[in-house]
N, C-alpha and C. Protein backbone atom coordinates (compact mmCIF):
# COMPACT_ATOMS: atom_id res chain seq x y z
N TYR A 1 -0.31 9.55 -14.49
CA TYR A 1 -1.50 8.72 -14.48
C TYR A 1 -2.70 9.57 -14.87
N VAL A 2 -3.74 8.90 -15.27
CA VAL A 2 -4.97 9.58 -15.68
C VAL A 2 -5.94 9.58 -14.52
N CYS A 3 -6.60 10.69 -14.30
CA CYS A 3 -7.59 10.78 -13.22
C CYS A 3 -8.92 10.22 -13.73
N GLU A 4 -9.15 8.95 -13.45
CA GLU A 4 -10.37 8.28 -13.89
C GLU A 4 -11.29 8.06 -12.70
N GLU A 5 -12.54 7.75 -12.99
CA GLU A 5 -13.49 7.42 -11.93
C GLU A 5 -13.01 6.19 -11.16
N LEU A 6 -13.25 6.18 -9.86
CA LEU A 6 -12.82 5.05 -9.04
C LEU A 6 -13.52 3.75 -9.41
N CYS A 7 -14.83 3.82 -9.64
CA CYS A 7 -15.60 2.60 -9.84
C CYS A 7 -15.18 1.84 -11.10
N CYS A 8 -14.64 2.53 -12.09
CA CYS A 8 -14.24 1.87 -13.33
C CYS A 8 -13.00 1.00 -13.14
N LEU A 9 -12.19 1.33 -12.16
CA LEU A 9 -10.89 0.71 -12.01
C LEU A 9 -10.84 -0.35 -10.94
N PHE A 10 -11.91 -0.50 -10.20
CA PHE A 10 -11.85 -1.26 -8.96
C PHE A 10 -12.29 -2.71 -9.11
N PRO A 11 -11.47 -3.67 -8.65
CA PRO A 11 -11.90 -5.07 -8.68
C PRO A 11 -13.01 -5.31 -7.65
N GLU A 12 -13.88 -6.27 -7.93
CA GLU A 12 -14.99 -6.57 -7.01
C GLU A 12 -14.53 -7.36 -5.79
N ARG A 13 -13.58 -8.28 -6.02
CA ARG A 13 -13.10 -9.09 -4.90
C ARG A 13 -11.72 -9.63 -5.21
N LEU A 14 -11.00 -10.00 -4.16
CA LEU A 14 -9.71 -10.66 -4.28
C LEU A 14 -9.83 -12.03 -3.65
N LEU A 15 -9.15 -13.01 -4.19
CA LEU A 15 -9.12 -14.33 -3.60
C LEU A 15 -7.73 -14.54 -3.01
N LEU A 16 -7.65 -14.59 -1.68
CA LEU A 16 -6.38 -14.75 -0.99
C LEU A 16 -6.12 -16.22 -0.73
N SER A 17 -4.87 -16.64 -0.90
CA SER A 17 -4.48 -18.00 -0.55
C SER A 17 -3.68 -17.94 0.74
N LEU A 18 -4.24 -18.52 1.79
CA LEU A 18 -3.58 -18.54 3.09
C LEU A 18 -2.86 -19.86 3.28
N SER A 19 -2.01 -19.95 4.30
CA SER A 19 -1.28 -21.18 4.56
C SER A 19 -2.25 -22.33 4.83
N GLY A 20 -1.80 -23.53 4.54
CA GLY A 20 -2.65 -24.70 4.75
C GLY A 20 -3.64 -24.93 3.64
N GLY A 21 -3.43 -24.30 2.49
CA GLY A 21 -4.32 -24.48 1.35
C GLY A 21 -5.67 -23.82 1.49
N ILE A 22 -5.79 -22.88 2.43
CA ILE A 22 -7.05 -22.18 2.65
C ILE A 22 -7.13 -20.99 1.70
N THR A 23 -8.24 -20.87 1.00
CA THR A 23 -8.47 -19.67 0.19
C THR A 23 -9.57 -18.86 0.85
N PHE A 24 -9.43 -17.57 0.73
CA PHE A 24 -10.38 -16.68 1.41
C PHE A 24 -10.72 -15.53 0.48
N PRO A 25 -12.01 -15.39 0.13
CA PRO A 25 -12.39 -14.26 -0.73
C PRO A 25 -12.53 -12.98 0.10
N VAL A 26 -11.96 -11.90 -0.39
CA VAL A 26 -12.11 -10.60 0.25
C VAL A 26 -13.00 -9.75 -0.65
N ASP A 27 -14.17 -9.44 -0.15
CA ASP A 27 -15.11 -8.59 -0.88
C ASP A 27 -14.63 -7.15 -0.74
N LEU A 28 -14.39 -6.51 -1.86
CA LEU A 28 -13.85 -5.15 -1.83
C LEU A 28 -14.92 -4.07 -1.90
N LYS A 29 -16.19 -4.48 -1.86
CA LYS A 29 -17.28 -3.51 -1.98
C LYS A 29 -17.22 -2.46 -0.86
N ASN A 30 -16.99 -2.91 0.37
CA ASN A 30 -16.88 -1.99 1.50
C ASN A 30 -15.75 -0.98 1.31
N ILE A 31 -14.61 -1.49 0.88
CA ILE A 31 -13.44 -0.65 0.67
C ILE A 31 -13.73 0.34 -0.46
N LYS A 32 -14.31 -0.16 -1.53
CA LYS A 32 -14.65 0.69 -2.68
C LYS A 32 -15.62 1.80 -2.28
N GLU A 33 -16.67 1.45 -1.55
CA GLU A 33 -17.66 2.45 -1.12
C GLU A 33 -17.05 3.50 -0.20
N THR A 34 -16.19 3.06 0.71
CA THR A 34 -15.52 4.00 1.63
C THR A 34 -14.63 4.95 0.85
N LEU A 35 -13.88 4.42 -0.10
CA LEU A 35 -12.99 5.26 -0.91
C LEU A 35 -13.79 6.27 -1.74
N ILE A 36 -14.87 5.81 -2.34
CA ILE A 36 -15.68 6.70 -3.18
C ILE A 36 -16.28 7.81 -2.32
N ALA A 37 -16.80 7.45 -1.14
CA ALA A 37 -17.37 8.46 -0.24
C ALA A 37 -16.32 9.48 0.18
N MET A 38 -15.11 8.99 0.49
CA MET A 38 -14.04 9.89 0.90
C MET A 38 -13.62 10.80 -0.26
N ALA A 39 -13.49 10.22 -1.44
CA ALA A 39 -13.07 11.00 -2.60
C ALA A 39 -14.11 12.04 -2.99
N GLU A 40 -15.39 11.71 -2.80
CA GLU A 40 -16.46 12.63 -3.19
C GLU A 40 -16.55 13.84 -2.27
N LYS A 41 -15.94 13.76 -1.10
CA LYS A 41 -15.94 14.91 -0.18
C LYS A 41 -15.10 16.06 -0.73
N GLY A 42 -14.17 15.73 -1.58
CA GLY A 42 -13.31 16.74 -2.17
C GLY A 42 -13.19 16.51 -3.66
N ASN A 43 -12.09 16.94 -4.21
CA ASN A 43 -11.82 16.77 -5.62
C ASN A 43 -11.15 15.42 -5.85
N LEU A 44 -11.73 14.58 -6.70
CA LEU A 44 -11.21 13.24 -6.93
C LEU A 44 -9.76 13.26 -7.41
N CYS A 45 -9.44 14.14 -8.33
CA CYS A 45 -8.07 14.19 -8.86
C CYS A 45 -7.07 14.60 -7.77
N ASP A 46 -7.47 15.56 -6.92
CA ASP A 46 -6.60 15.97 -5.81
C ASP A 46 -6.39 14.81 -4.85
N TRP A 47 -7.49 14.10 -4.54
CA TRP A 47 -7.39 12.96 -3.62
C TRP A 47 -6.47 11.89 -4.19
N LYS A 48 -6.63 11.57 -5.47
CA LYS A 48 -5.80 10.53 -6.08
C LYS A 48 -4.33 10.95 -6.10
N GLU A 49 -4.07 12.21 -6.34
CA GLU A 49 -2.69 12.70 -6.34
C GLU A 49 -2.06 12.53 -4.96
N GLN A 50 -2.80 12.92 -3.91
CA GLN A 50 -2.30 12.77 -2.54
C GLN A 50 -2.15 11.30 -2.16
N GLU A 51 -3.12 10.49 -2.56
CA GLU A 51 -3.09 9.06 -2.23
C GLU A 51 -1.90 8.38 -2.90
N ARG A 52 -1.64 8.73 -4.14
CA ARG A 52 -0.50 8.14 -4.85
C ARG A 52 0.81 8.53 -4.16
N LYS A 53 0.93 9.80 -3.79
CA LYS A 53 2.14 10.26 -3.09
C LYS A 53 2.30 9.51 -1.77
N ALA A 54 1.21 9.34 -1.03
CA ALA A 54 1.27 8.64 0.26
C ALA A 54 1.64 7.17 0.08
N ALA A 55 1.07 6.52 -0.93
CA ALA A 55 1.35 5.10 -1.17
C ALA A 55 2.81 4.89 -1.55
N ILE A 56 3.31 5.71 -2.44
CA ILE A 56 4.71 5.60 -2.87
C ILE A 56 5.64 5.95 -1.72
N SER A 57 5.37 7.06 -1.04
CA SER A 57 6.23 7.51 0.06
C SER A 57 6.27 6.51 1.20
N SER A 58 5.12 5.98 1.57
CA SER A 58 5.08 5.04 2.70
C SER A 58 5.86 3.77 2.39
N ARG A 59 5.80 3.30 1.15
CA ARG A 59 6.55 2.09 0.79
C ARG A 59 8.05 2.37 0.71
N ILE A 60 8.42 3.54 0.23
CA ILE A 60 9.84 3.91 0.23
C ILE A 60 10.34 4.04 1.67
N ASN A 61 9.57 4.69 2.53
CA ASN A 61 9.96 4.82 3.94
C ASN A 61 10.06 3.46 4.62
N LEU A 62 9.15 2.54 4.28
CA LEU A 62 9.21 1.18 4.84
C LEU A 62 10.48 0.47 4.38
N GLY A 63 10.82 0.62 3.11
CA GLY A 63 12.04 0.01 2.58
C GLY A 63 13.28 0.54 3.28
N ILE A 64 13.32 1.85 3.53
CA ILE A 64 14.45 2.45 4.25
C ILE A 64 14.52 1.89 5.67
N ALA A 65 13.37 1.79 6.34
CA ALA A 65 13.34 1.25 7.71
C ALA A 65 13.78 -0.21 7.74
N GLN A 66 13.34 -0.99 6.75
CA GLN A 66 13.69 -2.41 6.72
C GLN A 66 15.13 -2.65 6.29
N ALA A 67 15.78 -1.66 5.71
CA ALA A 67 17.16 -1.82 5.26
C ALA A 67 18.12 -1.93 6.43
N ASP A 68 17.65 -1.52 7.61
CA ASP A 68 18.46 -1.62 8.83
C ASP A 68 19.81 -0.92 8.67
N VAL A 69 19.75 0.31 8.16
CA VAL A 69 20.94 1.13 8.00
C VAL A 69 20.96 2.17 9.11
N PRO A 70 22.12 2.78 9.37
CA PRO A 70 22.17 3.83 10.41
C PRO A 70 21.15 4.93 10.08
N PRO A 71 20.68 5.64 11.10
CA PRO A 71 19.69 6.71 10.85
C PRO A 71 20.16 7.67 9.75
N ILE A 72 19.23 8.03 8.88
CA ILE A 72 19.57 8.94 7.79
C ILE A 72 18.64 10.14 7.82
N ASP A 73 19.14 11.25 7.32
CA ASP A 73 18.33 12.47 7.33
C ASP A 73 17.45 12.54 6.08
N ASP A 74 16.60 13.56 6.06
CA ASP A 74 15.65 13.71 4.95
C ASP A 74 16.34 13.91 3.60
N ALA A 75 17.49 14.56 3.60
CA ALA A 75 18.20 14.79 2.34
C ALA A 75 18.61 13.46 1.70
N ILE A 76 19.12 12.55 2.52
CA ILE A 76 19.52 11.23 1.99
C ILE A 76 18.27 10.43 1.62
N LYS A 77 17.20 10.53 2.44
CA LYS A 77 15.94 9.85 2.08
C LYS A 77 15.46 10.33 0.72
N ASN A 78 15.53 11.64 0.50
CA ASN A 78 15.09 12.20 -0.79
C ASN A 78 15.95 11.68 -1.94
N LYS A 79 17.25 11.55 -1.69
CA LYS A 79 18.17 11.04 -2.71
C LYS A 79 17.84 9.58 -3.04
N ILE A 80 17.61 8.78 -1.99
CA ILE A 80 17.23 7.37 -2.18
C ILE A 80 15.92 7.30 -2.95
N ALA A 81 14.94 8.10 -2.53
CA ALA A 81 13.62 8.09 -3.17
C ALA A 81 13.72 8.45 -4.65
N ALA A 82 14.51 9.47 -4.97
CA ALA A 82 14.66 9.90 -6.37
C ALA A 82 15.23 8.76 -7.22
N LYS A 83 16.21 8.07 -6.67
CA LYS A 83 16.84 6.97 -7.40
C LYS A 83 15.85 5.81 -7.58
N VAL A 84 15.10 5.49 -6.52
CA VAL A 84 14.12 4.40 -6.59
C VAL A 84 13.01 4.73 -7.58
N ILE A 85 12.51 5.95 -7.53
CA ILE A 85 11.45 6.38 -8.44
C ILE A 85 11.93 6.29 -9.89
N GLU A 86 13.17 6.71 -10.11
CA GLU A 86 13.74 6.63 -11.46
C GLU A 86 13.89 5.16 -11.90
N ASN A 87 14.41 4.31 -11.01
CA ASN A 87 14.66 2.91 -11.34
C ASN A 87 13.38 2.10 -11.55
N THR A 88 12.28 2.54 -10.94
CA THR A 88 11.02 1.80 -11.06
C THR A 88 10.08 2.43 -12.08
N ASN A 89 10.57 3.46 -12.78
CA ASN A 89 9.79 4.12 -13.84
C ASN A 89 8.44 4.65 -13.38
N LEU A 90 8.39 5.19 -12.17
CA LEU A 90 7.15 5.82 -11.68
C LEU A 90 7.12 7.25 -12.21
N LYS A 91 6.27 7.49 -13.15
CA LYS A 91 6.20 8.80 -13.81
C LYS A 91 5.57 9.84 -12.88
N ASN A 92 6.17 11.01 -12.83
CA ASN A 92 5.65 12.15 -12.05
C ASN A 92 5.35 11.80 -10.60
N ALA A 93 6.17 10.95 -10.01
CA ALA A 93 5.95 10.55 -8.61
C ALA A 93 6.62 11.55 -7.68
N ALA A 94 5.96 11.82 -6.57
CA ALA A 94 6.50 12.71 -5.55
C ALA A 94 6.75 11.91 -4.28
N PHE A 95 7.72 12.34 -3.49
CA PHE A 95 8.07 11.66 -2.25
C PHE A 95 7.95 12.62 -1.08
N GLU A 96 7.39 12.13 0.00
CA GLU A 96 7.28 12.89 1.25
C GLU A 96 7.94 12.04 2.34
N PRO A 97 9.06 12.51 2.92
CA PRO A 97 9.82 11.67 3.86
C PRO A 97 9.09 11.31 5.15
N ASN A 98 8.00 11.96 5.46
CA ASN A 98 7.31 11.68 6.73
C ASN A 98 6.06 10.82 6.58
N TYR A 99 5.69 10.43 5.37
CA TYR A 99 4.48 9.62 5.19
C TYR A 99 4.73 8.18 5.64
N ALA A 100 3.83 7.66 6.47
CA ALA A 100 3.97 6.30 6.97
C ALA A 100 2.91 5.35 6.43
N GLN A 101 1.75 5.90 6.02
CA GLN A 101 0.66 5.03 5.57
C GLN A 101 -0.30 5.81 4.68
N SER A 102 -0.82 5.14 3.67
CA SER A 102 -1.80 5.77 2.80
C SER A 102 -3.20 5.56 3.36
N SER A 103 -4.14 6.37 2.91
CA SER A 103 -5.52 6.20 3.38
C SER A 103 -6.11 4.89 2.88
N VAL A 104 -5.71 4.43 1.70
CA VAL A 104 -6.18 3.13 1.20
C VAL A 104 -5.76 2.03 2.18
N THR A 105 -4.51 2.08 2.63
CA THR A 105 -4.02 1.07 3.58
C THR A 105 -4.82 1.11 4.87
N GLN A 106 -5.10 2.31 5.38
CA GLN A 106 -5.89 2.45 6.61
C GLN A 106 -7.30 1.88 6.42
N ILE A 107 -7.92 2.16 5.30
CA ILE A 107 -9.28 1.67 5.03
C ILE A 107 -9.28 0.15 4.89
N VAL A 108 -8.31 -0.39 4.17
CA VAL A 108 -8.22 -1.84 3.99
C VAL A 108 -8.06 -2.52 5.35
N TYR A 109 -7.16 -1.99 6.18
CA TYR A 109 -6.95 -2.56 7.51
C TYR A 109 -8.25 -2.57 8.31
N SER A 110 -8.93 -1.46 8.31
CA SER A 110 -10.18 -1.34 9.04
C SER A 110 -11.22 -2.34 8.55
N CYS A 111 -11.34 -2.47 7.24
CA CYS A 111 -12.32 -3.41 6.66
C CYS A 111 -11.95 -4.86 6.95
N LEU A 112 -10.67 -5.21 6.85
CA LEU A 112 -10.25 -6.58 7.14
C LEU A 112 -10.42 -6.89 8.62
N PHE A 113 -10.11 -5.92 9.48
CA PHE A 113 -10.22 -6.11 10.92
C PHE A 113 -11.66 -6.38 11.33
N LYS A 114 -12.61 -5.82 10.60
CA LYS A 114 -14.03 -6.00 10.91
C LYS A 114 -14.58 -7.32 10.37
N ASN A 115 -13.79 -8.05 9.59
CA ASN A 115 -14.24 -9.30 8.99
C ASN A 115 -14.06 -10.44 10.00
N GLU A 116 -15.15 -10.85 10.63
CA GLU A 116 -15.09 -11.85 11.70
C GLU A 116 -14.51 -13.18 11.24
N ILE A 117 -14.90 -13.63 10.06
CA ILE A 117 -14.42 -14.92 9.56
C ILE A 117 -12.90 -14.88 9.41
N LEU A 118 -12.39 -13.83 8.79
CA LEU A 118 -10.95 -13.70 8.61
C LEU A 118 -10.24 -13.61 9.95
N MET A 119 -10.75 -12.81 10.86
CA MET A 119 -10.11 -12.65 12.17
C MET A 119 -10.09 -13.98 12.93
N ASN A 120 -11.16 -14.76 12.85
CA ASN A 120 -11.18 -16.07 13.50
C ASN A 120 -10.16 -17.01 12.87
N MET A 121 -10.04 -16.97 11.55
CA MET A 121 -9.05 -17.81 10.87
C MET A 121 -7.64 -17.44 11.29
N LEU A 122 -7.36 -16.15 11.36
CA LEU A 122 -6.02 -15.71 11.75
C LEU A 122 -5.73 -16.08 13.20
N GLU A 123 -6.73 -15.95 14.05
CA GLU A 123 -6.57 -16.28 15.47
C GLU A 123 -6.28 -17.77 15.66
N GLU A 124 -6.99 -18.61 14.92
CA GLU A 124 -6.82 -20.06 15.04
C GLU A 124 -5.51 -20.55 14.43
N SER A 125 -5.10 -19.94 13.33
CA SER A 125 -3.96 -20.48 12.59
C SER A 125 -2.61 -19.99 13.10
N SER A 126 -2.59 -18.91 13.86
CA SER A 126 -1.29 -18.36 14.23
C SER A 126 -1.42 -17.42 15.42
N PHE A 127 -0.41 -17.49 16.28
CA PHE A 127 -0.38 -16.51 17.36
C PHE A 127 0.18 -15.19 16.85
N HIS A 128 0.59 -15.17 15.60
CA HIS A 128 1.06 -13.94 14.96
C HIS A 128 -0.06 -13.32 14.14
N GLY A 129 -1.28 -13.42 14.62
CA GLY A 129 -2.45 -12.94 13.88
C GLY A 129 -2.35 -11.50 13.42
N LEU A 130 -1.84 -10.63 14.29
CA LEU A 130 -1.74 -9.22 13.93
C LEU A 130 -0.72 -9.02 12.82
N LEU A 131 0.40 -9.74 12.91
CA LEU A 131 1.40 -9.67 11.85
C LEU A 131 0.80 -10.14 10.52
N CYS A 132 0.05 -11.24 10.57
CA CYS A 132 -0.61 -11.74 9.36
C CYS A 132 -1.60 -10.72 8.83
N LEU A 133 -2.34 -10.08 9.73
CA LEU A 133 -3.31 -9.07 9.31
C LEU A 133 -2.59 -7.91 8.63
N ASN A 134 -1.44 -7.50 9.19
CA ASN A 134 -0.67 -6.41 8.57
C ASN A 134 -0.18 -6.81 7.18
N GLU A 135 0.29 -8.05 7.03
CA GLU A 135 0.75 -8.51 5.73
C GLU A 135 -0.40 -8.60 4.73
N LEU A 136 -1.55 -9.10 5.18
CA LEU A 136 -2.73 -9.16 4.32
C LEU A 136 -3.17 -7.76 3.92
N THR A 137 -3.15 -6.85 4.89
CA THR A 137 -3.53 -5.47 4.62
C THR A 137 -2.64 -4.88 3.54
N GLU A 138 -1.34 -5.08 3.69
CA GLU A 138 -0.39 -4.55 2.71
C GLU A 138 -0.65 -5.15 1.33
N TYR A 139 -0.90 -6.45 1.29
CA TYR A 139 -1.15 -7.12 0.01
C TYR A 139 -2.42 -6.57 -0.65
N VAL A 140 -3.51 -6.49 0.11
CA VAL A 140 -4.77 -6.01 -0.45
C VAL A 140 -4.64 -4.54 -0.86
N ALA A 141 -4.00 -3.73 -0.01
CA ALA A 141 -3.81 -2.30 -0.33
C ALA A 141 -3.00 -2.14 -1.61
N LEU A 142 -2.00 -2.99 -1.78
CA LEU A 142 -1.17 -2.95 -2.99
C LEU A 142 -2.01 -3.28 -4.23
N GLN A 143 -2.87 -4.29 -4.13
CA GLN A 143 -3.74 -4.65 -5.26
C GLN A 143 -4.70 -3.51 -5.58
N VAL A 144 -5.24 -2.89 -4.53
CA VAL A 144 -6.15 -1.75 -4.73
C VAL A 144 -5.41 -0.61 -5.40
N HIS A 145 -4.21 -0.28 -4.90
CA HIS A 145 -3.42 0.80 -5.50
C HIS A 145 -3.12 0.49 -6.97
N ASN A 146 -2.68 -0.74 -7.23
CA ASN A 146 -2.32 -1.11 -8.60
C ASN A 146 -3.50 -0.94 -9.55
N SER A 147 -4.70 -1.25 -9.07
CA SER A 147 -5.87 -1.09 -9.94
C SER A 147 -6.30 0.37 -10.05
N LEU A 148 -6.15 1.15 -8.98
CA LEU A 148 -6.53 2.57 -9.03
C LEU A 148 -5.61 3.38 -9.94
N PHE A 149 -4.33 3.04 -9.93
CA PHE A 149 -3.35 3.86 -10.63
C PHE A 149 -2.70 3.17 -11.82
N SER A 150 -3.08 1.94 -12.09
CA SER A 150 -2.50 1.17 -13.20
C SER A 150 -0.97 1.19 -13.16
N GLU A 151 -0.44 1.02 -11.96
CA GLU A 151 1.01 0.91 -11.81
C GLU A 151 1.29 -0.09 -10.69
N ASP A 152 2.40 -0.77 -10.79
CA ASP A 152 2.72 -1.84 -9.85
C ASP A 152 3.79 -1.36 -8.86
N LEU A 153 3.42 -1.32 -7.58
CA LEU A 153 4.36 -0.89 -6.54
C LEU A 153 4.94 -2.08 -5.77
N SER A 154 4.71 -3.30 -6.26
CA SER A 154 5.09 -4.48 -5.48
C SER A 154 6.59 -4.61 -5.22
N SER A 155 7.43 -4.05 -6.06
CA SER A 155 8.88 -4.17 -5.86
C SER A 155 9.47 -2.95 -5.15
N LEU A 156 8.64 -1.99 -4.80
CA LEU A 156 9.14 -0.71 -4.28
C LEU A 156 9.91 -0.85 -2.97
N VAL A 157 9.40 -1.64 -2.03
CA VAL A 157 10.07 -1.80 -0.73
C VAL A 157 11.44 -2.44 -0.92
N GLU A 158 11.48 -3.53 -1.69
CA GLU A 158 12.74 -4.25 -1.90
C GLU A 158 13.75 -3.39 -2.66
N THR A 159 13.30 -2.69 -3.68
CA THR A 159 14.18 -1.79 -4.44
C THR A 159 14.75 -0.70 -3.53
N THR A 160 13.92 -0.18 -2.64
CA THR A 160 14.36 0.86 -1.71
C THR A 160 15.38 0.32 -0.73
N LYS A 161 15.16 -0.89 -0.22
CA LYS A 161 16.13 -1.50 0.70
C LYS A 161 17.50 -1.60 0.04
N ASN A 162 17.51 -2.06 -1.20
CA ASN A 162 18.78 -2.19 -1.93
C ASN A 162 19.45 -0.84 -2.13
N GLU A 163 18.67 0.16 -2.50
CA GLU A 163 19.22 1.50 -2.72
C GLU A 163 19.72 2.11 -1.41
N ALA A 164 19.02 1.87 -0.31
CA ALA A 164 19.44 2.40 1.00
C ALA A 164 20.79 1.81 1.40
N HIS A 165 21.02 0.54 1.08
CA HIS A 165 22.32 -0.08 1.38
C HIS A 165 23.43 0.57 0.56
N HIS A 166 23.14 0.95 -0.68
CA HIS A 166 24.14 1.61 -1.53
C HIS A 166 24.46 3.01 -1.03
N GLN A 167 23.47 3.70 -0.47
CA GLN A 167 23.66 5.09 -0.03
C GLN A 167 24.32 5.20 1.34
N SER A 168 24.22 4.14 2.15
CA SER A 168 24.75 4.25 3.53
C SER A 168 26.20 3.87 3.61
């Protein structure tokens, strides 16, 4: 991937479609400003490299966890990750078996959690509000990642689950 400025790649807002025909705009300005401030504390290219590794690794680890296979060691995780990275054409991707969440995901969660309108909607529509918030967070974080890195990670969890079943 090319190390480009964050502001050039970032969408202004996402329009989410929730159950019951409800649409909800998510303003990404807060997320964008937080990311830019964080990236400016260090080297932008270094930050993007680490963020990409964390995003890819966390989704591969999630896929392995969701595969519901017997516990596997890091060597097998690395083997699964290498196969998934190859199958999804992620160029120069690195895997870290202990990564659980990217900083983009953490920032998105924090920003969505602070959105009173969204939190009230989730509270009213479902007693699974936290689960919905986690799913929304993952969706928004995925869109942010896709725009930051011009690559689509949306199939990564499912591809990893399938590969984990083949390896176990």
